[in-house]
Protein backbone atom coordinates (compact mmCIF):
# COMPACT_ATOMS: atom_id res chain seq x y z
CA MET A 1 0.56 28.80 -31.12
CA SER A 2 -2.25 30.21 -33.22
CA GLN A 3 -5.96 29.60 -32.60
CA PRO A 4 -6.25 27.44 -35.82
CA ALA A 5 -3.32 25.32 -34.72
CA ILE A 6 -4.90 24.95 -31.44
CA PHE A 7 -8.26 23.88 -32.81
CA VAL A 8 -6.48 21.35 -35.12
CA TYR A 9 -4.80 19.85 -32.15
CA MET A 10 -8.16 19.79 -30.28
CA LEU A 11 -9.85 18.02 -33.06
CA GLN A 12 -7.02 15.43 -33.23
CA ARG A 13 -7.03 15.01 -29.45
CA MET A 14 -10.86 14.77 -29.08
CA SER A 15 -11.59 12.77 -32.14
CA GLU A 16 -14.19 9.94 -31.80
CA ASP A 17 -12.78 6.79 -32.81
CA LYS A 18 -14.39 3.58 -34.11
CA ILE A 19 -12.13 0.67 -33.47
CA ASP A 20 -11.98 -2.41 -35.59
CA ALA A 21 -8.62 -3.92 -34.31
CA PRO A 22 -7.23 -7.33 -34.43
CA GLU A 23 -7.33 -9.31 -31.22
CA ASN A 24 -4.73 -7.94 -28.75
CA GLU A 25 -5.60 -9.29 -25.55
CA PHE A 26 -2.93 -10.69 -23.35
CA ASN A 27 -4.22 -12.19 -20.10
CA PHE A 28 -1.19 -14.20 -19.15
CA LEU A 29 2.11 -12.54 -19.58
CA ASP A 30 5.36 -12.22 -17.58
CA PRO A 31 5.57 -8.73 -15.83
CA ILE A 32 6.54 -6.09 -17.86
CA SER A 33 10.12 -4.50 -17.75
CA PRO A 34 9.99 -0.81 -17.04
CA PHE A 35 12.44 -0.43 -19.92
CA GLU A 36 10.01 -1.79 -22.26
CA ILE A 37 6.93 0.56 -21.64
CA GLY A 38 5.92 4.17 -22.46
CA PHE A 39 3.16 6.28 -21.48
CA ASP A 40 0.91 8.88 -22.68
CA ILE A 41 0.08 11.93 -20.46
CA ASP A 42 -3.18 13.38 -20.87
CA GLY A 43 -5.76 10.93 -19.35
CA VAL A 44 -3.12 8.44 -18.31
CA VAL A 45 -0.88 10.57 -15.76
CA ALA A 46 -2.70 13.80 -15.78
CA ASP A 47 -6.29 14.30 -14.92
CA THR A 48 -6.75 16.64 -17.80
CA MET A 49 -10.46 16.37 -18.27
CA LYS A 50 -11.02 17.14 -14.65
CA ALA A 51 -9.16 20.27 -14.91
CA PHE A 52 -11.24 21.28 -18.21
CA ILE A 53 -14.18 20.89 -16.05
CA ARG A 54 -13.16 23.02 -13.09
CA ILE A 55 -12.03 25.70 -15.64
CA ALA A 56 -15.49 25.71 -17.25
CA GLN A 57 -17.02 25.88 -13.87
CA GLU A 58 -14.72 28.51 -12.09
CA GLU A 59 -14.23 30.78 -15.01
CA PHE A 60 -17.16 30.45 -17.31
CA GLY A 61 -20.01 29.58 -14.68
CA ILE A 62 -20.60 26.20 -16.60
CA ASN A 63 -21.63 24.09 -13.62
CA TYR A 64 -23.84 21.46 -15.15
CA ILE A 65 -21.11 18.98 -16.59
CA SER A 66 -19.27 16.01 -15.16
CA LYS A 67 -16.47 13.87 -16.16
CA GLU A 68 -18.77 10.98 -16.89
CA GLN A 69 -20.53 12.97 -19.56
CA ILE A 70 -17.40 13.32 -21.57
CA THR A 71 -18.30 10.02 -23.64
CA SER A 72 -16.55 11.20 -26.86
CA TYR A 73 -13.21 12.85 -27.83
CA TRP A 74 -15.49 15.42 -29.64
CA ILE A 75 -16.22 17.39 -26.55
CA GLU A 76 -18.78 19.62 -28.41
CA GLU A 77 -20.86 16.60 -29.44
CA CYS A 78 -21.21 15.30 -25.91
CA LEU A 79 -21.03 18.51 -23.84
CA PRO A 80 -23.46 21.48 -24.23
CA ILE A 81 -20.53 24.06 -24.11
CA PRO A 82 -19.87 26.75 -26.90
CA LEU A 83 -17.05 26.02 -29.20
CA ASP A 84 -15.25 29.11 -28.51
CA ILE A 85 -14.99 28.34 -24.91
CA ILE A 86 -13.88 24.90 -25.56
CA LYS A 87 -11.01 26.12 -27.69
CA THR A 88 -10.10 28.64 -24.80
CA ILE A 89 -9.98 26.11 -22.21
CA ILE A 90 -7.94 23.62 -24.41
CA ASN A 91 -5.40 26.59 -25.06
CA ARG A 92 -4.93 26.81 -21.37
CA LEU A 93 -4.76 23.14 -20.72
CA LEU A 94 -1.69 23.00 -23.36
CA ALA A 95 0.03 26.18 -22.36
CA ASP A 96 -0.12 26.50 -18.52
CA PRO A 97 -0.52 23.23 -16.52
CA PHE A 98 0.60 24.91 -13.28
CA GLY A 99 -1.82 27.92 -13.74
CA ILE A 100 -4.66 25.68 -14.28
CA GLU A 101 -3.55 23.42 -11.39
CA LEU A 102 -3.51 20.49 -13.27
CA GLU A 103 -3.61 17.34 -11.08
CA PRO A 104 -2.27 13.76 -11.50
CA LEU A 105 -4.45 10.61 -11.57
CA PRO A 106 -4.45 8.89 -8.12
CA GLY A 107 -1.41 6.80 -7.74
CA ALA A 108 0.63 7.93 -10.97
CA GLY A 109 3.22 9.96 -9.19
CA GLU A 110 3.95 7.43 -6.72
CA ILE A 111 4.17 4.48 -9.14
CA LEU A 112 6.00 6.28 -11.76
CA THR A 113 8.52 7.34 -9.04
CA ARG A 114 9.07 3.74 -8.00
CA LEU A 115 9.63 2.61 -11.65
CA ALA A 116 12.22 5.43 -12.21
CA ALA A 117 14.56 3.73 -9.57
CA GLN A 118 15.06 1.15 -12.35
CA GLY A 119 15.75 3.61 -15.19
CA ARG A 120 14.44 6.44 -17.46
CA LEU A 121 10.74 6.98 -17.79
CA THR A 122 9.42 7.72 -21.36
CA PHE A 123 6.40 9.77 -22.17
CA VAL A 124 5.10 10.32 -25.62
CA THR A 125 2.46 12.80 -26.07
CA ALA A 126 0.41 14.24 -29.04
CA ARG A 127 0.77 17.66 -27.63
CA PRO A 128 2.37 19.98 -30.03
CA VAL A 129 4.98 21.27 -27.73
CA LYS A 130 6.56 19.28 -24.73
CA GLU A 131 8.04 22.31 -22.48
CA PRO A 132 4.72 23.01 -20.28
CA ILE A 133 3.85 19.60 -19.40
CA GLU A 134 7.35 18.30 -19.07
CA ALA A 135 7.84 20.91 -16.25
CA TRP A 136 4.84 19.69 -14.86
CA LEU A 137 5.97 16.11 -14.95
CA VAL A 138 9.42 17.08 -13.39
CA SER A 139 7.45 18.87 -10.54
CA LEU A 140 5.31 15.74 -10.06
CA LEU A 141 8.33 13.47 -10.07
CA SER A 142 10.41 15.76 -8.04
CA GLU A 143 12.53 12.79 -6.45
CA VAL A 144 13.52 11.70 -10.09
CA PRO A 145 16.37 13.12 -11.88
CA HIS A 146 15.40 15.36 -14.59
CA GLU A 147 17.51 13.42 -17.13
CA ASP A 148 15.63 10.20 -16.31
CA ILE A 149 12.26 11.82 -17.39
CA ARG A 150 11.96 11.78 -21.19
CA VAL A 151 9.03 13.70 -22.90
CA ILE A 152 8.52 13.54 -26.60
CA ALA A 153 5.82 15.56 -28.21
CA THR A 154 4.83 14.31 -31.43
CA GLY A 155 2.01 16.88 -32.31
CA HIS A 156 -0.13 14.21 -33.54
CA HIS A 157 -1.43 10.70 -32.40
CA SER A 158 -0.40 9.07 -35.65
CA ALA A 159 3.26 10.03 -35.01
CA LYS A 160 3.46 8.05 -31.84
CA ALA A 161 4.10 4.60 -33.39
CA GLU A 162 7.11 5.61 -35.12
CA VAL A 163 8.63 7.10 -32.14
CA LEU A 164 7.99 4.17 -29.95
CA GLU A 165 9.52 1.81 -32.69
CA GLU A 166 12.50 4.01 -32.80
CA LEU A 167 12.75 3.61 -28.92
CA LYS A 168 12.30 0.06 -29.21
CA LEU A 169 9.53 0.19 -26.61
CA LYS A 170 7.21 -3.05 -26.63
CA TYR A 171 4.41 -1.70 -24.60
CA PHE A 172 2.40 1.70 -24.36
CA VAL A 173 -0.24 3.11 -22.09
CA ASP A 174 -2.83 5.39 -23.79
CA ASP A 175 -6.39 6.48 -23.43
CA HIS A 176 -6.88 7.17 -27.08
CA LEU A 177 -8.44 4.02 -28.79
CA GLU A 178 -7.38 5.13 -32.46
CA THR A 179 -3.60 5.21 -31.06
CA CYS A 180 -4.05 1.76 -29.53
CA GLN A 181 -5.24 0.55 -33.03
CA ASP A 182 -2.49 2.02 -34.90
CA LEU A 183 0.33 0.89 -32.46
CA HIS A 184 -1.05 -2.59 -32.56
CA LYS A 185 -0.67 -2.69 -36.20
CA ARG A 186 2.94 -1.86 -35.84
CA GLY A 187 3.46 -4.69 -33.29
CA ILE A 188 3.30 -2.69 -30.08
CA ARG A 189 1.26 -3.83 -27.14
CA THR A 190 -1.44 -1.44 -26.38
CA ILE A 191 -2.99 -0.93 -22.91
CA VAL A 192 -5.97 1.18 -22.55
CA PHE A 193 -6.27 3.37 -19.47
CA ASP A 194 -9.98 3.21 -18.81
CA GLN A 195 -11.66 6.69 -19.26
CA PRO A 196 -15.54 7.67 -19.93
CA TRP A 197 -14.57 8.58 -23.53
CA ASN A 198 -13.10 5.24 -24.29
CA ARG A 199 -15.58 2.76 -22.56
CA GLY A 200 -17.21 -0.35 -24.37
CA HIS A 201 -15.57 -3.61 -25.62
CA THR A 202 -12.16 -3.12 -27.12
CA PRO A 203 -9.68 -6.07 -28.04
CA PHE A 204 -6.99 -4.24 -25.84
CA LEU A 205 -6.04 -5.07 -22.14
CA ARG A 206 -7.85 -2.20 -20.04
CA ILE A 207 -6.63 -0.94 -16.64
CA ARG A 208 -8.52 1.49 -14.43
CA THR A 209 -6.18 2.60 -12.05
CA TRP A 210 -2.39 2.91 -11.63
CA LYS A 211 -2.63 0.01 -9.05
CA ASP A 212 -3.89 -2.26 -11.82
CA LEU A 213 -0.77 -1.03 -13.97
CA SER A 214 1.60 -1.78 -11.30
CA GLY A 215 0.37 -5.41 -11.02
CA ILE A 216 1.61 -6.05 -14.65
CA ILE A 217 4.96 -4.02 -14.48
CA LYS A 218 8.02 -5.49 -12.84
CA MET A 219 8.15 -3.24 -9.85
CA PRO A 220 11.20 -2.54 -7.80
CA SER A 221 11.27 -4.48 -4.40
């Protein structure tokens, strides 16, 4: 993928979002069926920003940043890092999750493995290509048959809603507030996975850990 294409994706992924969404809270609901829910990957399953910071430290000597400082999707607006370095690191994150030793968020692998016992897992990502991150997921979920791990790369956040509608999924977990707003408008229940870049009040159900998520999904006994 060309550098301009990488940069466009980075801007899509890191864009700062101002939400003015209708009320979408659901505090009292029956447990969600695993067949009804889909998952974003970066910031939900994969601790992508932790990897970003580690690469910045180890390869560029930038040791003055932390994940809590990433308060906006526009990384260059909240972190004092040259734009060319940001682009280089984003390229690595997209192309080589094994090489950059991408880690899962705590509990993600265990809970997704348990859910897979009831059927296929669906991941919808705004990444431009699915193969690198799909291979990473297959490795993370080593006990899950490959055919039960469905990964769809849309190339853009705005394309997720149509994909989820086609798949007839009723719920989606994402860390990107603009995506949550778009999905809500299409009648898809959105769940925000809490991260420093999506803090503040939102009208969407917010979870902070995979343990929280397991509490609202119908888990296998």
